[in-house]
Protein backbone atom coordinates (compact mmCIF):
# COMPACT_ATOMS: atom_id res chain seq x y z
CA UNK A 1 0.00 0.00 0.00
CA UNK A 2 1.35 3.43 -0.98
CA UNK A 3 0.32 6.69 0.69
CA UNK A 4 1.56 10.19 -0.10
CA UNK A 5 1.13 12.86 2.55
CA UNK A 6 1.08 16.07 0.57
CA UNK A 7 2.33 19.46 1.74
CA UNK A 8 2.65 18.99 5.50
CA UNK A 9 5.17 20.43 7.92
CA UNK A 10 7.49 17.45 8.19
CA UNK A 11 9.42 17.22 11.47
CA UNK A 12 12.25 14.70 11.86
CA UNK A 13 13.82 14.74 15.35
CA UNK A 14 16.78 12.65 14.20
CA UNK A 15 18.09 15.38 11.88
CA UNK A 16 16.31 18.38 13.35
CA UNK A 17 14.60 18.97 10.01
CA UNK A 18 11.41 21.04 10.13
CA UNK A 19 10.14 21.95 6.66
CA UNK A 20 7.19 21.89 4.29
CA UNK A 21 7.45 18.71 2.24
CA UNK A 22 5.69 15.61 0.96
CA UNK A 23 6.20 12.20 2.56
CA UNK A 24 5.72 8.96 0.65
CA UNK A 25 5.09 5.65 2.43
CA UNK A 26 5.42 2.39 0.53
CA UNK A 27 5.28 -1.22 1.73
CA UNK A 28 5.43 -0.17 5.37
CA UNK A 29 8.50 2.07 5.00
CA UNK A 30 9.31 5.72 4.41
CA UNK A 31 10.07 5.76 0.67
CA UNK A 32 10.79 9.45 0.10
CA UNK A 33 10.61 12.90 1.68
CA UNK A 34 10.77 15.93 -0.58
CA UNK A 35 8.97 18.68 -2.44
CA UNK A 36 6.45 17.91 -5.18
CA UNK A 37 6.94 14.15 -5.05
CA UNK A 38 5.33 12.15 -7.85
CA UNK A 39 2.76 9.70 -6.56
CA UNK A 40 3.13 6.21 -8.09
CA UNK A 41 -0.02 4.76 -9.68
CA UNK A 42 -2.55 3.60 -7.11
CA UNK A 43 -1.14 5.79 -4.35
CA UNK A 44 -3.56 7.26 -1.81
CA UNK A 45 -2.87 10.99 -1.65
CA UNK A 46 -3.77 12.78 1.61
CA UNK A 47 -3.68 16.58 1.78
CA UNK A 48 -1.98 17.50 5.06
CA UNK A 49 -1.29 21.18 4.41
CA UNK A 50 -1.31 23.13 7.66
CA UNK A 51 -0.67 19.97 9.67
CA UNK A 52 2.47 18.55 11.30
CA UNK A 53 3.87 15.22 10.11
CA UNK A 54 6.24 13.35 12.40
CA UNK A 55 7.24 9.90 13.64
CA UNK A 56 4.57 8.21 15.74
CA UNK A 57 5.02 8.33 19.49
CA UNK A 58 6.79 5.45 21.24
CA UNK A 59 5.36 4.80 24.70
CA UNK A 60 7.82 2.86 26.87
CA UNK A 61 5.36 2.52 29.75
CA UNK A 62 1.88 1.32 28.80
CA UNK A 63 -0.13 -1.27 30.70
CA UNK A 64 -3.00 -1.39 28.18
CA UNK A 65 -3.12 -4.82 26.60
CA UNK A 66 -6.41 -4.49 24.76
CA UNK A 67 -7.78 -3.15 21.50
CA UNK A 68 -9.89 -0.65 23.45
CA UNK A 69 -6.91 0.78 25.33
CA UNK A 70 -4.68 0.87 22.28
CA UNK A 71 -7.30 2.79 20.32
CA UNK A 72 -7.31 5.47 23.02
CA UNK A 73 -3.54 5.63 22.71
CA UNK A 74 -3.75 5.81 18.92
CA UNK A 75 -5.95 8.90 19.23
CA UNK A 76 -3.17 10.29 21.45
CA UNK A 77 -0.55 9.84 18.70
CA UNK A 78 1.03 6.57 19.87
CA UNK A 79 2.15 3.99 17.28
CA UNK A 80 4.17 1.70 19.60
CA UNK A 81 2.94 0.87 23.14
CA UNK A 82 5.34 -1.17 25.29
CA UNK A 83 4.91 -2.52 28.83
CA UNK A 84 8.45 -2.20 30.18
CA UNK A 85 8.13 -1.07 33.82
CA UNK A 86 6.12 -4.09 34.98
CA UNK A 87 6.43 -6.40 31.99
CA UNK A 88 4.56 -9.65 31.52
CA UNK A 89 5.66 -13.23 31.96
CA UNK A 90 5.96 -15.50 30.06
CA UNK A 91 6.81 -12.92 27.42
CA UNK A 92 6.31 -15.39 24.55
CA UNK A 93 2.76 -16.03 25.75
CA UNK A 94 2.06 -12.29 26.06
CA UNK A 95 3.17 -11.70 22.47
CA UNK A 96 1.22 -14.69 21.19
CA UNK A 97 -1.98 -13.51 22.87
CA UNK A 98 -1.66 -10.04 21.37
CA UNK A 99 -0.94 -11.44 17.92
CA UNK A 100 -3.95 -13.76 18.10
CA UNK A 101 -6.32 -10.94 19.11
CA UNK A 102 -4.80 -8.36 16.75
CA UNK A 103 -3.53 -4.97 17.84
CA UNK A 104 -3.82 -1.50 16.26
CA UNK A 105 -0.37 -0.56 17.61
CA UNK A 106 3.01 -2.23 17.93
CA UNK A 107 3.54 -3.96 21.28
CA UNK A 108 6.26 -5.56 23.38
CA UNK A 109 7.16 -6.47 26.94
CA UNK A 110 10.01 -6.59 29.41
CA UNK A 111 10.84 -9.58 31.60
CA UNK A 112 8.85 -9.25 34.82
CA UNK A 113 11.10 -9.18 37.89
CA UNK A 114 8.06 -9.27 40.19
CA UNK A 115 6.55 -12.36 38.58
CA UNK A 116 9.92 -14.09 38.44
CA UNK A 117 10.37 -13.49 42.18
CA UNK A 118 6.83 -14.67 42.91
CA UNK A 119 7.61 -17.92 41.11
CA UNK A 120 10.92 -18.32 42.95
CA UNK A 121 9.41 -17.53 46.37
CA UNK A 122 5.91 -18.98 46.04
CA UNK A 123 5.98 -21.38 43.08
CA UNK A 124 3.31 -19.06 41.68
CA UNK A 125 3.11 -19.88 37.97
CA UNK A 126 3.41 -16.66 35.94
CA UNK A 127 0.35 -15.58 33.97
CA UNK A 128 0.77 -13.17 31.06
CA UNK A 129 -1.99 -10.89 32.29
CA UNK A 130 -1.70 -7.48 33.94
CA UNK A 131 -4.55 -8.19 36.36
CA UNK A 132 -2.53 -11.09 37.76
CA UNK A 133 0.38 -8.71 38.26
CA UNK A 134 -1.83 -6.20 40.08
CA UNK A 135 -3.19 -8.92 42.38
CA UNK A 136 0.40 -9.82 43.23
CA UNK A 137 1.25 -6.34 44.51
CA UNK A 138 -0.44 -6.85 47.87
CA UNK A 139 1.30 -10.18 48.57
CA UNK A 140 4.21 -9.60 50.94
CA UNK A 141 5.87 -12.97 50.46
CA UNK A 142 7.44 -12.18 47.07
CA UNK A 143 8.57 -8.79 48.35
CA UNK A 144 11.02 -10.04 50.99
CA UNK A 145 14.72 -10.56 50.33
CA UNK A 146 15.47 -13.75 48.43
CA UNK A 147 17.52 -16.63 49.73
CA UNK A 148 20.55 -17.57 47.62
CA UNK A 149 18.68 -20.42 45.85
CA UNK A 150 15.65 -18.17 45.25
CA UNK A 151 17.83 -15.45 43.77
CA UNK A 152 19.53 -17.93 41.47
CA UNK A 153 16.12 -19.19 40.41
CA UNK A 154 14.60 -15.83 39.49
CA UNK A 155 17.76 -14.60 37.81
CA UNK A 156 17.62 -17.72 35.63
CA UNK A 157 13.99 -17.03 34.78
CA UNK A 158 14.81 -13.46 33.75
CA UNK A 159 17.70 -14.67 31.60
CA UNK A 160 15.33 -17.09 29.87
CA UNK A 161 12.80 -14.34 29.25
CA UNK A 162 15.47 -12.15 27.64
CA UNK A 163 16.33 -15.04 25.34
CA UNK A 164 12.62 -15.37 24.48
CA UNK A 165 12.33 -11.78 23.22
CA UNK A 166 11.87 -9.59 26.30
CA UNK A 167 12.95 -5.97 25.80
CA UNK A 168 14.87 -5.71 29.06
CA UNK A 169 13.92 -6.24 32.70
CA UNK A 170 10.99 -4.48 34.37
CA UNK A 171 11.69 -3.86 38.05
CA UNK A 172 8.86 -2.94 40.44
CA UNK A 173 11.30 -2.17 43.24
CA UNK A 174 8.89 0.35 44.76
CA UNK A 175 6.58 -2.56 45.58
CA UNK A 176 9.30 -4.58 47.33
CA UNK A 177 11.32 -1.78 48.93
CA UNK A 178 12.66 -3.78 51.87
CA UNK A 179 14.42 -6.32 49.64
CA UNK A 180 18.22 -6.57 49.76
CA UNK A 181 19.81 -3.86 47.57
CA UNK A 182 22.42 -6.39 46.45
CA UNK A 183 19.67 -8.14 44.49
CA UNK A 184 19.25 -5.02 42.34
CA UNK A 185 22.95 -5.05 41.55
CA UNK A 186 22.69 -8.72 40.57
CA UNK A 187 19.87 -8.16 38.10
CA UNK A 188 21.68 -5.09 36.75
CA UNK A 189 24.77 -7.20 36.06
CA UNK A 190 22.56 -9.72 34.25
CA UNK A 191 21.05 -6.91 32.16
CA UNK A 192 24.46 -5.48 31.31
CA UNK A 193 25.73 -8.88 30.18
CA UNK A 194 22.65 -9.33 27.99
CA UNK A 195 22.92 -5.78 26.53
CA UNK A 196 19.39 -5.18 27.78
CA UNK A 197 18.07 -2.12 29.66
CA UNK A 198 16.27 -2.14 33.00
CA UNK A 199 13.08 -0.16 33.65
CA UNK A 200 12.68 0.63 37.33
CA UNK A 201 9.91 1.91 39.54
CA UNK A 202 12.39 2.94 42.23
CA UNK A 203 11.95 2.20 45.93
CA UNK A 204 11.00 5.15 48.15
CA UNK A 205 13.23 8.17 48.57
CA UNK A 206 15.05 8.79 51.80
CA UNK A 207 12.86 11.88 52.38
CA UNK A 208 9.71 9.72 52.26
CA UNK A 209 11.06 7.01 54.56
CA UNK A 210 14.40 7.39 56.37
CA UNK A 211 14.26 3.62 57.14
CA UNK A 212 14.57 2.64 53.49
CA UNK A 213 17.58 0.35 52.89
CA UNK A 214 18.77 2.76 50.20
CA UNK A 215 17.33 5.85 48.56
CA UNK A 216 15.50 4.66 45.43
CA UNK A 217 17.08 7.04 42.92
CA UNK A 218 20.52 6.68 44.52
CA UNK A 219 20.17 2.92 44.10
CA UNK A 220 19.50 3.27 40.38
CA UNK A 221 22.47 5.51 39.66
CA UNK A 222 24.75 3.35 41.82
CA UNK A 223 23.77 0.27 39.81
CA UNK A 224 24.35 2.12 36.56
CA UNK A 225 27.83 3.17 37.67
CA UNK A 226 28.87 -0.21 39.10
CA UNK A 227 27.51 -2.50 36.39
CA UNK A 228 27.45 -0.41 33.21
CA UNK A 229 23.83 -1.41 32.58
CA UNK A 230 21.43 0.95 30.82
CA UNK A 231 19.06 2.05 33.60
CA UNK A 232 15.71 3.74 32.90
CA UNK A 233 14.07 5.68 35.75
CA UNK A 234 10.30 5.33 35.39
CA UNK A 235 7.84 8.20 36.06
CA UNK A 236 10.23 10.46 37.94
CA UNK A 237 7.31 12.82 38.57
CA UNK A 238 5.34 10.38 40.73
CA UNK A 239 8.24 8.78 42.61
CA UNK A 240 10.08 12.04 43.32
CA UNK A 241 7.11 14.32 44.03
CA UNK A 242 8.28 17.54 45.71
CA UNK A 243 11.86 16.26 45.82
CA UNK A 244 12.15 16.15 42.04
CA UNK A 245 14.87 18.84 41.89
CA UNK A 246 17.13 16.76 44.12
CA UNK A 247 16.52 13.63 42.05
CA UNK A 248 17.06 15.37 38.72
CA UNK A 249 20.34 16.85 39.99
CA UNK A 250 21.41 13.34 40.99
CA UNK A 251 20.60 12.04 37.50
CA UNK A 252 22.55 14.94 36.03
CA UNK A 253 25.66 13.96 37.95
CA UNK A 254 25.26 10.31 36.98
CA UNK A 255 24.88 11.11 33.29
CA UNK A 256 27.79 13.56 33.38
CA UNK A 257 29.96 10.78 34.81
CA UNK A 258 29.13 8.59 31.82
CA UNK A 259 26.44 6.33 33.23
CA UNK A 260 23.68 5.20 30.90
CA UNK A 261 20.70 6.63 32.74
CA UNK A 262 17.46 7.71 31.07
CA UNK A 263 14.30 9.12 32.63
CA UNK A 264 10.60 9.51 31.85
CA UNK A 265 7.70 11.60 33.14
CA UNK A 266 3.99 12.14 32.56
CA UNK A 267 2.00 15.38 33.00
CA UNK A 268 -0.44 14.45 35.79
CA UNK A 269 -0.40 15.10 39.52
CA UNK A 270 -2.12 11.80 40.27
CA UNK A 271 -0.89 8.26 39.73
CA UNK A 272 -2.68 4.91 39.62
CA UNK A 273 -1.81 1.55 41.10
CA UNK A 274 -3.12 -1.32 43.22
CA UNK A 275 -4.41 -0.15 46.58
CA UNK A 276 -2.46 -2.95 48.26
CA UNK A 277 0.87 -1.41 47.19
CA UNK A 278 3.50 -1.26 49.95
CA UNK A 279 3.76 2.51 49.80
CA UNK A 280 -0.02 3.01 50.26
CA UNK A 281 -0.11 1.43 53.72
CA UNK A 282 -1.73 3.95 56.11
CA UNK A 283 1.48 4.46 58.05
CA UNK A 284 3.37 5.31 54.81
CA UNK A 285 1.11 8.08 53.55
CA UNK A 286 2.49 10.86 55.72
CA UNK A 287 5.92 10.45 54.15
CA UNK A 288 4.33 11.00 50.73
CA UNK A 289 2.51 14.11 51.92
CA UNK A 290 -0.95 12.57 51.38
CA UNK A 291 -3.88 11.22 53.40
CA UNK A 292 -6.36 8.36 52.82
CA UNK A 293 -8.72 10.81 51.12
CA UNK A 294 -6.08 11.24 48.39
CA UNK A 295 -7.04 7.73 47.19
CA UNK A 296 -10.08 6.96 44.99
CA UNK A 297 -11.08 3.46 43.88
CA UNK A 298 -11.24 3.42 40.08
CA UNK A 299 -14.09 0.96 39.57
CA UNK A 300 -16.47 2.36 42.21
CA UNK A 301 -15.43 6.00 42.55
CA UNK A 302 -15.19 5.65 46.33
CA UNK A 303 -12.89 8.15 48.00
CA UNK A 304 -11.21 6.47 50.95
CA UNK A 305 -12.61 8.12 54.08
CA UNK A 306 -9.99 7.27 56.70
CA UNK A 307 -7.24 4.87 57.76
CA UNK A 308 -9.72 2.26 58.98
CA UNK A 309 -11.41 2.10 55.58
CA UNK A 310 -8.05 1.98 53.82
CA UNK A 311 -6.98 -1.02 55.91
CA UNK A 312 -10.30 -2.70 55.16
CA UNK A 313 -10.05 -2.26 51.39
CA UNK A 314 -6.39 -3.30 51.29
CA UNK A 315 -7.25 -6.52 53.13
CA UNK A 316 -10.34 -7.32 51.07
CA UNK A 317 -9.08 -6.52 47.56
CA UNK A 318 -5.38 -5.55 47.47
CA UNK A 319 -5.34 -5.64 43.65
CA UNK A 320 -8.11 -3.02 43.30
CA UNK A 321 -6.95 -0.14 41.12
CA UNK A 322 -6.99 3.31 42.67
CA UNK A 323 -6.15 6.89 41.71
CA UNK A 324 -3.61 8.51 44.05
CA UNK A 325 -3.31 12.30 44.05
CA UNK A 326 0.28 13.17 44.92
CA UNK A 327 0.51 16.70 43.53
CA UNK A 328 -2.23 19.29 43.18
CA UNK A 329 -2.23 20.51 39.58
CA UNK A 330 -4.23 23.57 40.64
CA UNK A 331 -1.38 24.61 42.95
CA UNK A 332 1.29 26.67 41.12
CA UNK A 333 4.15 25.14 43.13
CA UNK A 334 3.04 21.57 42.51
CA UNK A 335 2.40 22.37 38.86
CA UNK A 336 5.96 23.71 38.63
CA UNK A 337 7.32 20.39 39.95
CA UNK A 338 5.53 18.57 37.14
CA UNK A 339 6.79 21.07 34.58
CA UNK A 340 10.40 20.62 35.66
CA UNK A 341 10.10 16.83 35.36
CA UNK A 342 8.93 17.21 31.75
CA UNK A 343 11.34 20.03 30.91
CA UNK A 344 14.42 18.21 32.23
CA UNK A 345 16.89 17.73 29.34
CA UNK A 346 16.21 14.45 27.51
CA UNK A 347 13.24 13.58 29.73
CA UNK A 348 11.05 11.14 27.79
CA UNK A 349 7.25 11.30 27.74
CA UNK A 350 5.72 7.98 28.85
CA UNK A 351 2.11 7.45 29.86
CA UNK A 352 1.92 4.66 32.46
CA UNK A 353 -1.41 3.97 30.71
CA UNK A 354 -3.70 1.71 32.72
CA UNK A 355 -6.21 -0.95 31.64
CA UNK A 356 -9.75 0.16 30.79
CA UNK A 357 -12.69 -1.54 32.50
CA UNK A 358 -16.44 -1.11 32.75
CA UNK A 359 -18.79 -2.03 35.58
CA UNK A 360 -21.11 -4.90 34.67
CA UNK A 361 -24.81 -4.97 35.51
CA UNK A 362 -23.88 -7.15 38.48
CA UNK A 363 -21.64 -4.37 39.76
CA UNK A 364 -18.33 -6.11 39.06
CA UNK A 365 -15.58 -4.58 36.88
CA UNK A 366 -15.25 -6.15 33.46
CA UNK A 367 -12.81 -5.72 30.58
CA UNK A 368 -14.03 -4.49 27.22
CA UNK A 369 -12.39 -6.35 24.37
CA UNK A 370 -14.91 -5.80 21.58
CA UNK A 371 -13.77 -4.11 18.42
CA UNK A 372 -16.56 -1.53 18.09
CA UNK A 373 -15.78 2.15 18.27
CA UNK A 374 -16.54 4.58 19.92
CA UNK A 375 -16.11 2.95 23.30
CA UNK A 376 -19.23 2.64 25.43
CA UNK A 377 -19.65 5.29 28.14
CA UNK A 378 -18.64 4.69 31.73
CA UNK A 379 -15.15 3.29 31.20
CA UNK A 380 -12.83 3.32 34.21
CA UNK A 381 -9.12 4.14 33.97
CA UNK A 382 -6.69 6.99 34.62
CA UNK A 383 -6.95 9.89 32.14
CA UNK A 384 -3.26 9.43 31.31
CA UNK A 385 -4.32 6.35 29.32
CA UNK A 386 -6.08 8.58 26.79
CA UNK A 387 -4.35 11.92 27.12
CA UNK A 388 -0.68 11.83 28.14
CA UNK A 389 0.91 12.82 24.86
CA UNK A 390 -1.67 15.39 23.78
CA UNK A 391 -1.55 16.96 27.25
CA UNK A 392 2.25 17.11 27.11
CA UNK A 393 2.05 18.85 23.73
CA UNK A 394 -0.59 21.25 25.01
CA UNK A 395 1.43 22.17 28.10
CA UNK A 396 4.94 22.16 26.70
CA UNK A 397 4.47 23.33 23.10
CA UNK A 398 1.20 25.22 22.76
CA UNK A 399 0.92 26.93 26.15
CA UNK A 400 4.40 27.36 27.64
CA UNK A 401 6.44 27.11 24.41
CA UNK A 402 9.06 25.22 26.41
CA UNK A 403 9.52 22.76 23.51
CA UNK A 404 9.70 23.34 19.80
CA UNK A 405 7.94 20.77 17.63
CA UNK A 406 11.31 19.18 16.87
CA UNK A 407 11.98 18.85 20.60
CA UNK A 408 8.48 17.47 21.22
CA UNK A 409 9.02 14.67 18.69
CA UNK A 410 12.49 14.06 20.09
CA UNK A 411 11.01 13.38 23.54
CA UNK A 412 7.89 11.52 22.40
CA UNK A 413 9.32 9.50 19.50
CA UNK A 414 13.07 9.60 18.96
CA UNK A 415 14.53 9.28 22.47
CA UNK A 416 12.24 6.47 23.65
CA UNK A 417 13.02 4.43 20.55
CA UNK A 418 16.75 4.90 21.14
CA UNK A 419 16.49 3.42 24.65
CA UNK A 420 15.85 0.09 22.91
CA UNK A 421 18.32 0.25 20.00
CA UNK A 422 20.81 -2.10 21.62
CA UNK A 423 18.33 -4.76 22.68
CA UNK A 424 16.06 -4.72 19.61
CA UNK A 425 17.08 -4.09 16.01
CA UNK A 426 13.36 -3.68 15.24
CA UNK A 427 13.39 -0.34 17.07
CA UNK A 428 16.11 1.22 14.97
CA UNK A 429 13.64 2.12 12.25
CA UNK A 430 11.31 3.92 14.65
CA UNK A 431 11.20 7.42 16.05
CA UNK A 432 12.48 9.17 12.91
CA UNK A 433 11.60 9.77 9.25
CA UNK A 434 14.70 8.73 7.34
CA UNK A 435 14.15 6.94 4.04
CA UNK A 436 13.85 3.25 4.89
CA UNK A 437 12.49 3.90 8.40
CA UNK A 438 9.27 2.24 9.49
CA UNK A 439 6.16 4.06 8.27
CA UNK A 440 4.90 4.67 11.82
CA UNK A 441 3.71 8.23 11.28
CA UNK A 442 1.41 10.68 13.03
CA UNK A 443 -0.22 13.77 11.52
CA UNK A 444 -1.19 16.44 14.07
CA UNK A 445 -3.23 19.63 13.90
CA UNK A 446 -0.99 22.03 15.85
CA UNK A 447 -3.91 24.35 16.62
CA UNK A 448 -6.38 21.84 18.05
CA UNK A 449 -4.15 19.16 19.62
CA UNK A 450 -5.23 18.69 23.22
CA UNK A 451 -6.24 16.12 25.79
CA UNK A 452 -9.93 15.70 26.69
CA UNK A 453 -9.82 12.88 29.24
CA UNK A 454 -10.57 13.86 32.84
CA UNK A 455 -10.68 11.98 36.12
CA UNK A 456 -14.48 12.04 35.89
CA UNK A 457 -14.51 10.98 32.21
CA UNK A 458 -11.16 9.25 31.62
CA UNK A 459 -11.88 7.55 28.27
CA UNK A 460 -12.54 10.69 26.23
CA UNK A 461 -10.09 10.47 23.30
CA UNK A 462 -7.63 13.26 22.64
CA UNK A 463 -8.30 15.54 19.69
CA UNK A 464 -5.97 16.86 17.02
CA UNK A 465 -4.45 13.60 15.75
CA UNK A 466 -5.73 13.69 12.18
CA UNK A 467 -3.90 10.67 10.71
CA UNK A 468 -1.96 7.82 12.29
CA UNK A 469 -0.15 5.09 10.36
CA UNK A 470 1.40 1.89 11.70
CA UNK A 471 3.63 0.22 9.11
CA UNK A 472 1.93 2.46 6.54
CA UNK A 473 -1.58 1.23 7.40
CA UNK A 474 -4.00 3.94 8.57
CA UNK A 475 -5.21 3.39 12.14
CA UNK A 476 -6.63 6.91 12.45
CA UNK A 477 -8.02 8.63 9.35
CA UNK A 478 -9.50 12.14 9.31
CA UNK A 479 -9.50 12.12 13.10
CA UNK A 480 -11.42 8.84 13.45
CA UNK A 481 -10.36 5.30 14.33
CA UNK A 482 -10.22 2.88 11.39
CA UNK A 483 -12.06 0.01 13.05
CA UNK A 484 -10.77 -2.82 10.85
CA UNK A 485 -7.08 -1.86 11.11
CA UNK A 486 -4.86 -4.15 13.22
CA UNK A 487 -1.35 -3.66 11.78
CA UNK A 488 0.49 -3.75 15.11
CA UNK A 489 3.46 -6.11 15.36
CA UNK A 490 5.45 -7.55 18.24
CA UNK A 491 8.69 -5.76 19.07
CA UNK A 492 11.12 -8.47 20.20
CA UNK A 493 14.49 -8.39 21.77
CA UNK A 494 17.36 -9.81 19.73
CA UNK A 495 19.00 -11.84 22.51
C-alpha cells in the first residue's frame, strides 16, 4: 500500500529537520521525503497542508493490553505501546496472545522481575496478564529478600525471558522496597551482560522514609555506575514528588559521569496503582505528603474516608486499582514540579497507561475487548491512558512554548526508541523519518491538539491527531479510528 502525505510540515527529530514537504510511504516504509513528489499509480494521496507530520510516538510505559486501550492511545498519537516497567511473563505467551487478538499498535514487553520473584518464592506460575500482576502487589511474600537459591532461580527465569524476546527487565522495586539492595545489583549485572536495559519503579526516597535500605534514585544511579547497565528511571514525577529537583540533579551527575541513565515523566499530579501497594499502607502516607482521602477506587469511585477504611479495602481486595493524588495541579508550586520533570533535558514522555474496565450490571468490573468504536460510556481508567501525549504537547508546546515541535518529537518519538536500540534491532527504524524507516507516522493539527480525558470521564479520546499510520496502514483517518485496522506487530528483543 502506498500513501503520499502532501504538503505537510514534516518534522524529523533525528536530523532536526522542520520543513514543508511531501512524505511517501510504501510497503510499510518511508520511501521518500521531498517537495512535489510524484505519486506512483494507485497511491492514496492525503492533503496534510497546515498539519504537522512526524514519527509516531513510542510509549515505553503502557499497561493497556487491549484493543480498546490501544485505540485510546492511537488517538493520542502513539504507534508503539510497550509494557516495560512491569512487563509480563511468560513474554512469549504475552506476544502470542496479542498477535492472536490483533492490535492496532506495535507492542512488546520486558521480563517481569516481580513475577519471576513470585515464582521463585511462592511457586506461583506466571500468567501473562496485567490483572494477575496487580493482584500480586499486595502479597508480601514475594517482596522479601530472596535466599541464595531463590535469587539464582529468578535470575535464571529473567535470563530465559530475555532469550525469548523480552525488551529488558521491568523492576517494580517500589513494591518490594525492603528487599536486599544487592539483588538489584545482581539483576543489573545480568542486564548489562545481555545488553538489555532495565526499567525501574524505584523504591521510596530517603525523604519519604528514612528507614529505606537505600534511597531509590541513589540505588538506580549506583547500579548504573557499578555494572554499566542501561538504567531507565520510570515516572520520575510520581516517585520524586516535591523532591524532584534533588533527584534530577542526581541524575545529572550520573549522566555527566558517563552512566547510561534515562528518565521519563507524565504530566499528571495523580498516579494509579493497586491499593495494596506497599507505599499506600496507612502508616506510609504521611511520608508521601498525602492522606487516605487522596485515594479513589477506580471501579467504584469511592474516595477512601480514613485509615480504617483503607486497611479494610487493602485486606479485602489488594489488587483493586486506585487513583492517588500526589501533587495538586491547581497549585502553582506543585504544577511547577511537574513542569520541571517534563522540561528536564532528555526527559522522555511515557504514559503509564492503565487498563480500561467497565462495571457490569452485576456491579463487578469487566474488561471491554470488543472491536466496536466509539467505546461505550462509563469506562474506568486513569486519564493518562487517553491523554498523556496530547496533554504534554498542550502544556509544553502550545501553552508554555518550552519545547519546539522538533523537541516534542524528540522526547515523544526519537529518544524512547533509542532506549531500545541495543536490545532490539526492530526499534532502529522507529522514532524518525529517514528513508527506509518504518512508516509509523502521526499527523497532528498544531492548533487543536489537546487532551480531553478527565478523572471524571477518563476515556474521552484526545483531539488533534488527524492521521496515524502503523507500518503504513491507517489506524486513524481524518480524526477517526479505522475500526478494521490491526497492523500492530510484536517488538522483540534480539538476545
